[in-house]
């Protein structure tokens, strides 16, 4: 996956905003972090619990890793080069549904036929 593809995946959500914070590009929905571009072809995905972090790292250690700080913040880092687009989409969609306004999620679900 390229940085451009990652940006496009994040920007595709209704109300997604791209900005810069804490020395990295951040994607937010409803004022809450959806994901970050960390540099060095890595991204940070948010809203992932400790058990899922462990599972993702165990299943694909070439792609996923997390420091204790990331674990405590319910985040995981991923290497773009090996990040599966379908896994990214699943993680982004779930985070979007958690942080977006319920009316926005409802309209988005209706638009997708979900």
PDB file of N, CA and C in Angstrom:
ATOM      1  N   UNK A   1       0.844  -1.166   0.000  1.00  0.00           N
ATOM      2  CA  UNK A   1       0.000   0.000   0.000  1.00  0.00           C
ATOM      3  C   UNK A   1       0.892   1.233   0.000  1.00  0.00           C
ATOM      4  N   UNK A   2       0.478   2.244  -0.740  1.00  0.00           N
ATOM      5  CA  UNK A   2       1.241   3.489  -0.789  1.00  0.00           C
ATOM      6  C   UNK A   2       0.651   4.515   0.173  1.00  0.00           C
ATOM      7  N   UNK A   3       1.423   5.558   0.417  1.00  0.00           N
ATOM      8  CA  UNK A   3       0.930   6.646   1.257  1.00  0.00           C
ATOM      9  C   UNK A   3      -0.303   7.287   0.624  1.00  0.00           C
ATOM     10  N   UNK A   4      -0.301   7.433  -0.681  1.00  0.00           N
ATOM     11  CA  UNK A   4      -1.453   8.013  -1.382  1.00  0.00           C
ATOM     12  C   UNK A   4      -2.702   7.144  -1.203  1.00  0.00           C
ATOM     13  N   UNK A   5      -2.543   5.838  -1.273  1.00  0.00           N
ATOM     14  CA  UNK A   5      -3.682   4.934  -1.072  1.00  0.00           C
ATOM     15  C   UNK A   5      -4.185   5.022   0.364  1.00  0.00           C
ATOM     16  N   UNK A   6      -3.258   5.131   1.317  1.00  0.00           N
ATOM     17  CA  UNK A   6      -3.654   5.266   2.716  1.00  0.00           C
ATOM     18  C   UNK A   6      -4.434   6.561   2.925  1.00  0.00           C
ATOM     19  N   UNK A   7      -3.930   7.656   2.385  1.00  0.00           N
ATOM     20  CA  UNK A   7      -4.627   8.947   2.491  1.00  0.00           C
ATOM     21  C   UNK A   7      -6.031   8.847   1.901  1.00  0.00           C
ATOM     22  N   UNK A   8      -6.133   8.246   0.737  1.00  0.00           N
ATOM     23  CA  UNK A   8      -7.430   8.107   0.073  1.00  0.00           C
ATOM     24  C   UNK A   8      -8.406   7.293   0.923  1.00  0.00           C
ATOM     25  N   UNK A   9      -7.906   6.231   1.547  1.00  0.00           N
ATOM     26  CA  UNK A   9      -8.772   5.402   2.404  1.00  0.00           C
ATOM     27  C   UNK A   9      -9.287   6.204   3.593  1.00  0.00           C
ATOM     28  N   UNK A  10      -8.425   7.013   4.195  1.00  0.00           N
ATOM     29  CA  UNK A  10      -8.834   7.831   5.347  1.00  0.00           C
ATOM     30  C   UNK A  10      -9.768   8.960   4.924  1.00  0.00           C
ATOM     31  N   UNK A  11      -9.433   9.609   3.828  1.00  0.00           N
ATOM     32  CA  UNK A  11     -10.225  10.757   3.358  1.00  0.00           C
ATOM     33  C   UNK A  11     -11.593  10.356   2.823  1.00  0.00           C
ATOM     34  N   UNK A  12     -11.811   9.069   2.555  1.00  0.00           N
ATOM     35  CA  UNK A  12     -13.075   8.607   1.980  1.00  0.00           C
ATOM     36  C   UNK A  12     -14.235   8.642   2.972  1.00  0.00           C
ATOM     37  N   UNK A  13     -13.939   8.779   4.258  1.00  0.00           N
ATOM     38  CA  UNK A  13     -15.014   8.776   5.252  1.00  0.00           C
ATOM     39  C   UNK A  13     -15.670  10.147   5.344  1.00  0.00           C
ATOM     40  N   UNK A  14     -16.989  10.169   5.490  1.00  0.00           N
ATOM     41  CA  UNK A  14     -17.685  11.447   5.604  1.00  0.00           C
ATOM     42  C   UNK A  14     -17.155  12.262   6.785  1.00  0.00           C
ATOM     43  N   UNK A  15     -16.864  13.512   6.520  1.00  0.00           N
ATOM     44  CA  UNK A  15     -16.394  14.397   7.583  1.00  0.00           C
ATOM     45  C   UNK A  15     -14.942  14.240   7.940  1.00  0.00           C
ATOM     46  N   UNK A  16     -14.202  13.401   7.217  1.00  0.00           N
ATOM     47  CA  UNK A  16     -12.778  13.203   7.508  1.00  0.00           C
ATOM     48  C   UNK A  16     -12.020  14.487   7.218  1.00  0.00           C
ATOM     49  N   UNK A  17     -11.110  14.825   8.121  1.00  0.00           N
ATOM     50  CA  UNK A  17     -10.281  16.012   7.973  1.00  0.00           C
ATOM     51  C   UNK A  17      -8.823  15.615   8.139  1.00  0.00           C
ATOM     52  N   UNK A  18      -7.993  16.138   7.252  1.00  0.00           N
ATOM     53  CA  UNK A  18      -6.562  15.883   7.325  1.00  0.00           C
ATOM     54  C   UNK A  18      -5.886  17.118   7.903  1.00  0.00           C
ATOM     55  N   UNK A  19      -5.001  16.913   8.865  1.00  0.00           N
ATOM     56  CA  UNK A  19      -4.284  18.019   9.479  1.00  0.00           C
ATOM     57  C   UNK A  19      -2.890  17.592   9.884  1.00  0.00           C
ATOM     58  N   UNK A  20      -2.266  18.428  10.689  1.00  0.00           N
ATOM     59  CA  UNK A  20      -0.909  18.149  11.159  1.00  0.00           C
ATOM     60  C   UNK A  20      -0.872  18.393  12.657  1.00  0.00           C
ATOM     61  N   UNK A  21      -0.377  17.400  13.405  1.00  0.00           N
ATOM     62  CA  UNK A  21      -0.328  17.499  14.850  1.00  0.00           C
ATOM     63  C   UNK A  21       0.757  16.567  15.357  1.00  0.00           C
ATOM     64  N   UNK A  22       1.493  17.018  16.367  1.00  0.00           N
ATOM     65  CA  UNK A  22       2.518  16.191  16.989  1.00  0.00           C
ATOM     66  C   UNK A  22       3.497  15.629  15.958  1.00  0.00           C
ATOM     67  N   UNK A  23       3.913  16.483  15.043  1.00  0.00           N
ATOM     68  CA  UNK A  23       4.925  16.141  14.027  1.00  0.00           C
ATOM     69  C   UNK A  23       4.477  15.079  13.033  1.00  0.00           C
ATOM     70  N   UNK A  24       3.175  14.902  12.857  1.00  0.00           N
ATOM     71  CA  UNK A  24       2.713  13.932  11.872  1.00  0.00           C
ATOM     72  C   UNK A  24       1.385  14.370  11.268  1.00  0.00           C
ATOM     73  N   UNK A  25       1.093  13.813  10.110  1.00  0.00           N
ATOM     74  CA  UNK A  25      -0.196  14.042   9.462  1.00  0.00           C
ATOM     75  C   UNK A  25      -1.228  13.225  10.216  1.00  0.00           C
ATOM     76  N   UNK A  26      -2.325  13.870  10.563  1.00  0.00           N
ATOM     77  CA  UNK A  26      -3.380  13.192  11.315  1.00  0.00           C
ATOM     78  C   UNK A  26      -4.689  13.279  10.547  1.00  0.00           C
ATOM     79  N   UNK A  27      -5.459  12.209  10.606  1.00  0.00           N
ATOM     80  CA  UNK A  27      -6.778  12.158  10.000  1.00  0.00           C
ATOM     81  C   UNK A  27      -7.781  12.061  11.143  1.00  0.00           C
ATOM     82  N   UNK A  28      -8.746  12.987  11.149  1.00  0.00           N
ATOM     83  CA  UNK A  28      -9.732  13.023  12.220  1.00  0.00           C
ATOM     84  C   UNK A  28     -11.141  12.977  11.654  1.00  0.00           C
ATOM     85  N   UNK A  29     -12.032  12.451  12.466  1.00  0.00           N
ATOM     86  CA  UNK A  29     -13.467  12.476  12.197  1.00  0.00           C
ATOM     87  C   UNK A  29     -14.126  12.930  13.481  1.00  0.00           C
ATOM     88  N   UNK A  30     -14.967  13.947  13.372  1.00  0.00           N
ATOM     89  CA  UNK A  30     -15.669  14.469  14.546  1.00  0.00           C
ATOM     90  C   UNK A  30     -14.683  14.897  15.635  1.00  0.00           C
ATOM     91  N   UNK A  31     -13.513  15.397  15.221  1.00  0.00           N
ATOM     92  CA  UNK A  31     -12.509  15.868  16.169  1.00  0.00           C
ATOM     93  C   UNK A  31     -11.703  14.784  16.839  1.00  0.00           C
ATOM     94  N   UNK A  32     -11.931  13.533  16.465  1.00  0.00           N
ATOM     95  CA  UNK A  32     -11.218  12.413  17.084  1.00  0.00           C
ATOM     96  C   UNK A  32     -10.322  11.738  16.052  1.00  0.00           C
ATOM     97  N   UNK A  33      -9.181  11.253  16.507  1.00  0.00           N
ATOM     98  CA  UNK A  33      -8.189  10.672  15.607  1.00  0.00           C
ATOM     99  C   UNK A  33      -8.685   9.351  15.019  1.00  0.00           C
ATOM    100  N   UNK A  34      -8.606   9.300  13.699  1.00  0.00           N
ATOM    101  CA  UNK A  34      -8.909   8.083  12.949  1.00  0.00           C
ATOM    102  C   UNK A  34      -7.615   7.314  12.699  1.00  0.00           C
ATOM    103  N   UNK A  35      -6.578   8.042  12.257  1.00  0.00           N
ATOM    104  CA  UNK A  35      -5.278   7.425  11.955  1.00  0.00           C
ATOM    105  C   UNK A  35      -4.235   8.517  11.780  1.00  0.00           C
ATOM    106  N   UNK A  36      -2.962   8.101  11.736  1.00  0.00           N
ATOM    107  CA  UNK A  36      -1.838   9.035  11.532  1.00  0.00           C
ATOM    108  C   UNK A  36      -0.849   8.440  10.544  1.00  0.00           C
ATOM    109  N   UNK A  37      -0.214   9.333   9.792  1.00  0.00           N
ATOM    110  CA  UNK A  37       0.967   8.973   9.008  1.00  0.00           C
ATOM    111  C   UNK A  37       2.166   9.301   9.883  1.00  0.00           C
ATOM    112  N   UNK A  38       2.953   8.313  10.226  1.00  0.00           N
ATOM    113  CA  UNK A  38       4.063   8.521  11.153  1.00  0.00           C
ATOM    114  C   UNK A  38       5.371   8.874  10.467  1.00  0.00           C
ATOM    115  N   UNK A  39       5.468   8.713   9.185  1.00  0.00           N
ATOM    116  CA  UNK A  39       6.740   8.871   8.500  1.00  0.00           C
ATOM    117  C   UNK A  39       7.412   7.519   8.392  1.00  0.00           C
ATOM    118  N   UNK A  40       8.496   7.459   7.620  1.00  0.00           N
ATOM    119  CA  UNK A  40       9.199   6.194   7.397  1.00  0.00           C
ATOM    120  C   UNK A  40       8.256   5.100   6.916  1.00  0.00           C
ATOM    121  N   UNK A  41       7.226   5.506   6.153  1.00  0.00           N
ATOM    122  CA  UNK A  41       6.267   4.550   5.577  1.00  0.00           C
ATOM    123  C   UNK A  41       5.521   3.750   6.632  1.00  0.00           C
ATOM    124  N   UNK A  42       5.230   4.398   7.756  1.00  0.00           N
ATOM    125  CA  UNK A  42       4.452   3.760   8.812  1.00  0.00           C
ATOM    126  C   UNK A  42       3.235   4.606   9.147  1.00  0.00           C
ATOM    127  N   UNK A  43       2.213   3.922   9.634  1.00  0.00           N
ATOM    128  CA  UNK A  43       0.986   4.590  10.057  1.00  0.00           C
ATOM    129  C   UNK A  43       0.606   4.128  11.449  1.00  0.00           C
ATOM    130  N   UNK A  44      -0.214   4.909  12.109  1.00  0.00           N
ATOM    131  CA  UNK A  44      -0.756   4.537  13.404  1.00  0.00           C
ATOM    132  C   UNK A  44      -2.266   4.429  13.261  1.00  0.00           C
ATOM    133  N   UNK A  45      -2.807   3.316  13.709  1.00  0.00           N
ATOM    134  CA  UNK A  45      -4.245   3.077  13.691  1.00  0.00           C
ATOM    135  C   UNK A  45      -4.741   3.110  15.122  1.00  0.00           C
ATOM    136  N   UNK A  46      -5.878   3.747  15.339  1.00  0.00           N
ATOM    137  CA  UNK A  46      -6.366   3.978  16.696  1.00  0.00           C
ATOM    138  C   UNK A  46      -7.622   3.163  17.013  1.00  0.00           C
ATOM    139  N   UNK A  47      -7.927   3.103  18.301  1.00  0.00           N
ATOM    140  CA  UNK A  47      -9.138   2.434  18.757  1.00  0.00           C
ATOM    141  C   UNK A  47      -9.048   0.922  18.747  1.00  0.00           C
ATOM    142  N   UNK A  48      -7.856   0.401  18.982  1.00  0.00           N
ATOM    143  CA  UNK A  48      -7.646  -1.042  18.946  1.00  0.00           C
ATOM    144  C   UNK A  48      -7.239  -1.511  20.336  1.00  0.00           C
ATOM    145  N   UNK A  49      -8.001  -2.416  20.882  1.00  0.00           N
ATOM    146  CA  UNK A  49      -7.752  -2.894  22.238  1.00  0.00           C
ATOM    147  C   UNK A  49      -6.533  -3.798  22.338  1.00  0.00           C
ATOM    148  N   UNK A  50      -6.053  -4.023  23.564  1.00  0.00           N
ATOM    149  CA  UNK A  50      -4.830  -4.806  23.782  1.00  0.00           C
ATOM    150  C   UNK A  50      -4.880  -6.224  23.213  1.00  0.00           C
ATOM    151  N   UNK A  51      -6.008  -6.896  23.333  1.00  0.00           N
ATOM    152  CA  UNK A  51      -6.101  -8.264  22.815  1.00  0.00           C
ATOM    153  C   UNK A  51      -5.983  -8.280  21.300  1.00  0.00           C
ATOM    154  N   UNK A  52      -6.632  -7.319  20.639  1.00  0.00           N
ATOM    155  CA  UNK A  52      -6.552  -7.262  19.180  1.00  0.00           C
ATOM    156  C   UNK A  52      -5.153  -6.845  18.725  1.00  0.00           C
ATOM    157  N   UNK A  53      -4.525  -5.943  19.469  1.00  0.00           N
ATOM    158  CA  UNK A  53      -3.146  -5.566  19.157  1.00  0.00           C
ATOM    159  C   UNK A  53      -2.266  -6.814  19.169  1.00  0.00           C
ATOM    160  N   UNK A  54      -2.380  -7.606  20.229  1.00  0.00           N
ATOM    161  CA  UNK A  54      -1.588  -8.839  20.322  1.00  0.00           C
ATOM    162  C   UNK A  54      -1.891  -9.779  19.159  1.00  0.00           C
ATOM    163  N   UNK A  55      -3.160  -9.909  18.826  1.00  0.00           N
ATOM    164  CA  UNK A  55      -3.565 -10.799  17.736  1.00  0.00           C
ATOM    165  C   UNK A  55      -2.987 -10.334  16.391  1.00  0.00           C
ATOM    166  N   UNK A  56      -3.096  -9.030  16.101  1.00  0.00           N
ATOM    167  CA  UNK A  56      -2.583  -8.508  14.837  1.00  0.00           C
ATOM    168  C   UNK A  56      -1.072  -8.700  14.726  1.00  0.00           C
ATOM    169  N   UNK A  57      -0.365  -8.433  15.804  1.00  0.00           N
ATOM    170  CA  UNK A  57       1.088  -8.601  15.799  1.00  0.00           C
ATOM    171  C   UNK A  57       1.456 -10.078  15.625  1.00  0.00           C
ATOM    172  N   UNK A  58       0.739 -10.953  16.306  1.00  0.00           N
ATOM    173  CA  UNK A  58       1.008 -12.389  16.189  1.00  0.00           C
ATOM    174  C   UNK A  58       0.733 -12.888  14.771  1.00  0.00           C
ATOM    175  N   UNK A  59      -0.356 -12.421  14.172  1.00  0.00           N
ATOM    176  CA  UNK A  59      -0.734 -12.862  12.828  1.00  0.00           C
ATOM    177  C   UNK A  59       0.179 -12.296  11.742  1.00  0.00           C
ATOM    178  N   UNK A  60       0.671 -11.066  11.946  1.00  0.00           N
ATOM    179  CA  UNK A  60       1.452 -10.415  10.893  1.00  0.00           C
ATOM    180  C   UNK A  60       2.524  -9.502  11.492  1.00  0.00           C
ATOM    181  N   UNK A  61       3.563 -10.082  12.084  1.00  0.00           N
ATOM    182  CA  UNK A  61       4.612  -9.275  12.717  1.00  0.00           C
ATOM    183  C   UNK A  61       5.436  -8.450  11.721  1.00  0.00           C
ATOM    184  N   UNK A  62       5.398  -8.804  10.450  1.00  0.00           N
ATOM    185  CA  UNK A  62       6.109  -8.015   9.446  1.00  0.00           C
ATOM    186  C   UNK A  62       5.404  -6.684   9.190  1.00  0.00           C
ATOM    187  N   UNK A  63       4.121  -6.625   9.509  1.00  0.00           N
ATOM    188  CA  UNK A  63       3.334  -5.406   9.279  1.00  0.00           C
ATOM    189  C   UNK A  63       3.089  -4.628  10.556  1.00  0.00           C
ATOM    190  N   UNK A  64       2.676  -5.302  11.616  1.00  0.00           N
ATOM    191  CA  UNK A  64       2.214  -4.621  12.826  1.00  0.00           C
ATOM    192  C   UNK A  64       3.221  -4.678  13.965  1.00  0.00           C
ATOM    193  N   UNK A  65       3.275  -3.592  14.733  1.00  0.00           N
ATOM    194  CA  UNK A  65       4.078  -3.559  15.957  1.00  0.00           C
ATOM    195  C   UNK A  65       3.523  -2.459  16.859  1.00  0.00           C
ATOM    196  N   UNK A  66       3.851  -2.542  18.143  1.00  0.00           N
ATOM    197  CA  UNK A  66       3.346  -1.547  19.095  1.00  0.00           C
ATOM    198  C   UNK A  66       4.300  -1.430  20.282  1.00  0.00           C
ATOM    199  N   UNK A  67       4.570  -0.208  20.670  1.00  0.00           N
ATOM    200  CA  UNK A  67       5.303   0.043  21.905  1.00  0.00           C
ATOM    201  C   UNK A  67       4.306  -0.024  23.054  1.00  0.00           C
ATOM    202  N   UNK A  68       4.798  -0.012  24.273  1.00  0.00           N
ATOM    203  CA  UNK A  68       3.882  -0.001  25.423  1.00  0.00           C
ATOM    204  C   UNK A  68       3.028   1.260  25.408  1.00  0.00           C
ATOM    205  N   UNK A  69       3.615   2.372  25.004  1.00  0.00           N
ATOM    206  CA  UNK A  69       2.860   3.621  24.907  1.00  0.00           C
ATOM    207  C   UNK A  69       1.688   3.464  23.937  1.00  0.00           C
ATOM    208  N   UNK A  70       1.928   2.854  22.786  1.00  0.00           N
ATOM    209  CA  UNK A  70       0.854   2.626  21.816  1.00  0.00           C
ATOM    210  C   UNK A  70      -0.207   1.702  22.410  1.00  0.00           C
ATOM    211  N   UNK A  71       0.223   0.632  23.061  1.00  0.00           N
ATOM    212  CA  UNK A  71      -0.733  -0.305  23.663  1.00  0.00           C
ATOM    213  C   UNK A  71      -1.636   0.411  24.675  1.00  0.00           C
ATOM    214  N   UNK A  72      -1.011   1.240  25.527  1.00  0.00           N
ATOM    215  CA  UNK A  72      -1.778   1.961  26.540  1.00  0.00           C
ATOM    216  C   UNK A  72      -2.772   2.935  25.906  1.00  0.00           C
ATOM    217  N   UNK A  73      -2.422   3.450  24.747  1.00  0.00           N
ATOM    218  CA  UNK A  73      -3.283   4.409  24.049  1.00  0.00           C
ATOM    219  C   UNK A  73      -4.238   3.725  23.068  1.00  0.00           C
ATOM    220  N   UNK A  74      -4.272   2.402  23.061  1.00  0.00           N
ATOM    221  CA  UNK A  74      -5.115   1.617  22.161  1.00  0.00           C
ATOM    222  C   UNK A  74      -4.812   1.925  20.700  1.00  0.00           C
ATOM    223  N   UNK A  75      -3.511   1.889  20.371  1.00  0.00           N
ATOM    224  CA  UNK A  75      -3.034   2.155  19.019  1.00  0.00           C
ATOM    225  C   UNK A  75      -2.082   1.053  18.584  1.00  0.00           C
ATOM    226  N   UNK A  76      -1.929   0.942  17.275  1.00  0.00           N
ATOM    227  CA  UNK A  76      -0.954   0.014  16.716  1.00  0.00           C
ATOM    228  C   UNK A  76      -0.296   0.698  15.524  1.00  0.00           C
ATOM    229  N   UNK A  77       0.972   0.403  15.314  1.00  0.00           N
ATOM    230  CA  UNK A  77       1.692   0.908  14.151  1.00  0.00           C
ATOM    231  C   UNK A  77       1.701  -0.173  13.081  1.00  0.00           C
ATOM    232  N   UNK A  78       1.673   0.286  11.820  1.00  0.00           N
ATOM    233  CA  UNK A  78       1.695  -0.651  10.702  1.00  0.00           C
ATOM    234  C   UNK A  78       2.621  -0.115   9.611  1.00  0.00           C
ATOM    235  N   UNK A  79       3.329  -1.028   8.975  1.00  0.00           N
ATOM    236  CA  UNK A  79       4.195  -0.684   7.855  1.00  0.00           C
ATOM    237  C   UNK A  79       3.346  -0.684   6.586  1.00  0.00           C
ATOM    238  N   UNK A  80       3.332   0.440   5.888  1.00  0.00           N
ATOM    239  CA  UNK A  80       2.483   0.576   4.709  1.00  0.00           C
ATOM    240  C   UNK A  80       2.786  -0.457   3.629  1.00  0.00           C
ATOM    241  N   UNK A  81       4.048  -0.758   3.423  1.00  0.00           N
ATOM    242  CA  UNK A  81       4.437  -1.651   2.329  1.00  0.00           C
ATOM    243  C   UNK A  81       3.756  -3.014   2.404  1.00  0.00           C
ATOM    244  N   UNK A  82       3.480  -3.484   3.607  1.00  0.00           N
ATOM    245  CA  UNK A  82       2.885  -4.814   3.755  1.00  0.00           C
ATOM    246  C   UNK A  82       1.469  -4.788   4.321  1.00  0.00           C
ATOM    247  N   UNK A  83       0.903  -3.599   4.484  1.00  0.00           N
ATOM    248  CA  UNK A  83      -0.443  -3.482   5.053  1.00  0.00           C
ATOM    249  C   UNK A  83      -1.495  -3.904   4.028  1.00  0.00           C
ATOM    250  N   UNK A  84      -2.275  -4.893   4.382  1.00  0.00           N
ATOM    251  CA  UNK A  84      -3.346  -5.398   3.518  1.00  0.00           C
ATOM    252  C   UNK A  84      -4.474  -4.361   3.475  1.00  0.00           C
ATOM    253  N   UNK A  85      -4.861  -3.893   2.284  1.00  0.00           N
ATOM    254  CA  UNK A  85      -5.915  -2.883   2.184  1.00  0.00           C
ATOM    255  C   UNK A  85      -7.234  -3.292   2.841  1.00  0.00           C
ATOM    256  N   UNK A  86      -7.586  -4.576   2.784  1.00  0.00           N
ATOM    257  CA  UNK A  86      -8.849  -5.003   3.393  1.00  0.00           C
ATOM    258  C   UNK A  86      -8.775  -4.956   4.922  1.00  0.00           C
ATOM    259  N   UNK A  87      -7.620  -5.255   5.486  1.00  0.00           N
ATOM    260  CA  UNK A  87      -7.441  -5.150   6.937  1.00  0.00           C
ATOM    261  C   UNK A  87      -7.514  -3.683   7.347  1.00  0.00           C
ATOM    262  N   UNK A  88      -6.833  -2.822   6.591  1.00  0.00           N
ATOM    263  CA  UNK A  88      -6.903  -1.388   6.870  1.00  0.00           C
ATOM    264  C   UNK A  88      -8.338  -0.904   6.832  1.00  0.00           C
ATOM    265  N   UNK A  89      -9.067  -1.273   5.802  1.00  0.00           N
ATOM    266  CA  UNK A  89     -10.446  -0.804   5.661  1.00  0.00           C
ATOM    267  C   UNK A  89     -11.304  -1.251   6.839  1.00  0.00           C
ATOM    268  N   UNK A  90     -11.141  -2.481   7.263  1.00  0.00           N
ATOM    269  CA  UNK A  90     -11.906  -2.987   8.413  1.00  0.00           C
ATOM    270  C   UNK A  90     -11.605  -2.182   9.671  1.00  0.00           C
ATOM    271  N   UNK A  91     -10.332  -1.926   9.928  1.00  0.00           N
ATOM    272  CA  UNK A  91      -9.947  -1.188  11.134  1.00  0.00           C
ATOM    273  C   UNK A  91     -10.412   0.267  11.062  1.00  0.00           C
ATOM    274  N   UNK A  92     -10.287   0.898   9.890  1.00  0.00           N
ATOM    275  CA  UNK A  92     -10.741   2.284   9.742  1.00  0.00           C
ATOM    276  C   UNK A  92     -12.259   2.392   9.872  1.00  0.00           C
ATOM    277  N   UNK A  93     -12.991   1.473   9.255  1.00  0.00           N
ATOM    278  CA  UNK A  93     -14.455   1.511   9.334  1.00  0.00           C
ATOM    279  C   UNK A  93     -14.932   1.389  10.776  1.00  0.00           C
ATOM    280  N   UNK A  94     -14.340   0.478  11.505  1.00  0.00           N
ATOM    281  CA  UNK A  94     -14.757   0.296  12.899  1.00  0.00           C
ATOM    282  C   UNK A  94     -14.469   1.552  13.715  1.00  0.00           C
ATOM    283  N   UNK A  95     -13.292   2.133  13.511  1.00  0.00           N
ATOM    284  CA  UNK A  95     -12.960   3.366  14.241  1.00  0.00           C
ATOM    285  C   UNK A  95     -13.898   4.497  13.835  1.00  0.00           C
ATOM    286  N   UNK A  96     -14.182   4.625  12.542  1.00  0.00           N
ATOM    287  CA  UNK A  96     -15.108   5.644  12.066  1.00  0.00           C
ATOM    288  C   UNK A  96     -16.463   5.506  12.758  1.00  0.00           C
ATOM    289  N   UNK A  97     -16.973   4.302  12.832  1.00  0.00           N
ATOM    290  CA  UNK A  97     -18.273   4.070  13.461  1.00  0.00           C
ATOM    291  C   UNK A  97     -18.255   4.413  14.946  1.00  0.00           C
ATOM    292  N   UNK A  98     -17.088   4.285  15.585  1.00  0.00           N
ATOM    293  CA  UNK A  98     -16.959   4.625  17.003  1.00  0.00           C
ATOM    294  C   UNK A  98     -16.897   6.126  17.256  1.00  0.00           C
ATOM    295  N   UNK A  99     -16.300   6.889  16.325  1.00  0.00           N
ATOM    296  CA  UNK A  99     -16.049   8.305  16.610  1.00  0.00           C
ATOM    297  C   UNK A  99     -16.961   9.277  15.867  1.00  0.00           C
ATOM    298  N   UNK A 100     -17.565   8.856  14.782  1.00  0.00           N
ATOM    299  CA  UNK A 100     -18.427   9.761  14.014  1.00  0.00           C
ATOM    300  C   UNK A 100     -19.769   9.943  14.726  1.00  0.00           C
ATOM    301  N   UNK A 101     -20.426  11.040  14.400  1.00  0.00           N
ATOM    302  CA  UNK A 101     -21.771  11.261  14.931  1.00  0.00           C
ATOM    303  C   UNK A 101     -22.679  10.160  14.415  1.00  0.00           C
ATOM    304  N   UNK A 102     -23.587   9.728  15.262  1.00  0.00           N
ATOM    305  CA  UNK A 102     -24.460   8.602  14.913  1.00  0.00           C
ATOM    306  C   UNK A 102     -25.264   8.875  13.645  1.00  0.00           C
ATOM    307  N   UNK A 103     -25.693  10.116  13.455  1.00  0.00           N
ATOM    308  CA  UNK A 103     -26.459  10.456  12.248  1.00  0.00           C
ATOM    309  C   UNK A 103     -25.600  10.306  10.993  1.00  0.00           C
ATOM    310  N   UNK A 104     -24.315  10.623  11.098  1.00  0.00           N
ATOM    311  CA  UNK A 104     -23.394  10.488   9.972  1.00  0.00           C
ATOM    312  C   UNK A 104     -23.174   9.011   9.660  1.00  0.00           C
ATOM    313  N   UNK A 105     -23.006   8.205  10.694  1.00  0.00           N
ATOM    314  CA  UNK A 105     -22.817   6.765  10.501  1.00  0.00           C
ATOM    315  C   UNK A 105     -24.065   6.158   9.868  1.00  0.00           C
ATOM    316  N   UNK A 106     -25.221   6.558  10.338  1.00  0.00           N
ATOM    317  CA  UNK A 106     -26.481   6.029   9.806  1.00  0.00           C
ATOM    318  C   UNK A 106     -26.623   6.367   8.318  1.00  0.00           C
ATOM    319  N   UNK A 107     -26.325   7.610   7.944  1.00  0.00           N
ATOM    320  CA  UNK A 107     -26.404   8.022   6.546  1.00  0.00           C
ATOM    321  C   UNK A 107     -25.367   7.278   5.705  1.00  0.00           C
ATOM    322  N   UNK A 108     -24.166   7.118   6.238  1.00  0.00           N
ATOM    323  CA  UNK A 108     -23.094   6.405   5.538  1.00  0.00           C
ATOM    324  C   UNK A 108     -23.474   4.951   5.326  1.00  0.00           C
ATOM    325  N   UNK A 109     -24.028   4.306   6.351  1.00  0.00           N
ATOM    326  CA  UNK A 109     -24.472   2.919   6.228  1.00  0.00           C
ATOM    327  C   UNK A 109     -25.563   2.789   5.166  1.00  0.00           C
ATOM    328  N   UNK A 110     -26.506   3.734   5.158  1.00  0.00           N
ATOM    329  CA  UNK A 110     -27.596   3.694   4.188  1.00  0.00           C
ATOM    330  C   UNK A 110     -27.063   3.865   2.768  1.00  0.00           C
ATOM    331  N   UNK A 111     -26.103   4.740   2.604  1.00  0.00           N
ATOM    332  CA  UNK A 111     -25.502   4.990   1.289  1.00  0.00           C
ATOM    333  C   UNK A 111     -24.793   3.748   0.757  1.00  0.00           C
ATOM    334  N   UNK A 112     -24.174   2.993   1.653  1.00  0.00           N
ATOM    335  CA  UNK A 112     -23.442   1.778   1.268  1.00  0.00           C
ATOM    336  C   UNK A 112     -24.337   0.556   1.199  1.00  0.00           C
ATOM    337  N   UNK A 113     -25.574   0.689   1.654  1.00  0.00           N
ATOM    338  CA  UNK A 113     -26.475  -0.447   1.673  1.00  0.00           C
ATOM    339  C   UNK A 113     -26.179  -1.432   2.781  1.00  0.00           C
ATOM    340  N   UNK A 114     -25.545  -0.926   3.839  1.00  0.00           N
ATOM    341  CA  UNK A 114     -25.181  -1.788   4.969  1.00  0.00           C
ATOM    342  C   UNK A 114     -26.302  -1.900   5.978  1.00  0.00           C
TER     343      UNK A 114
END
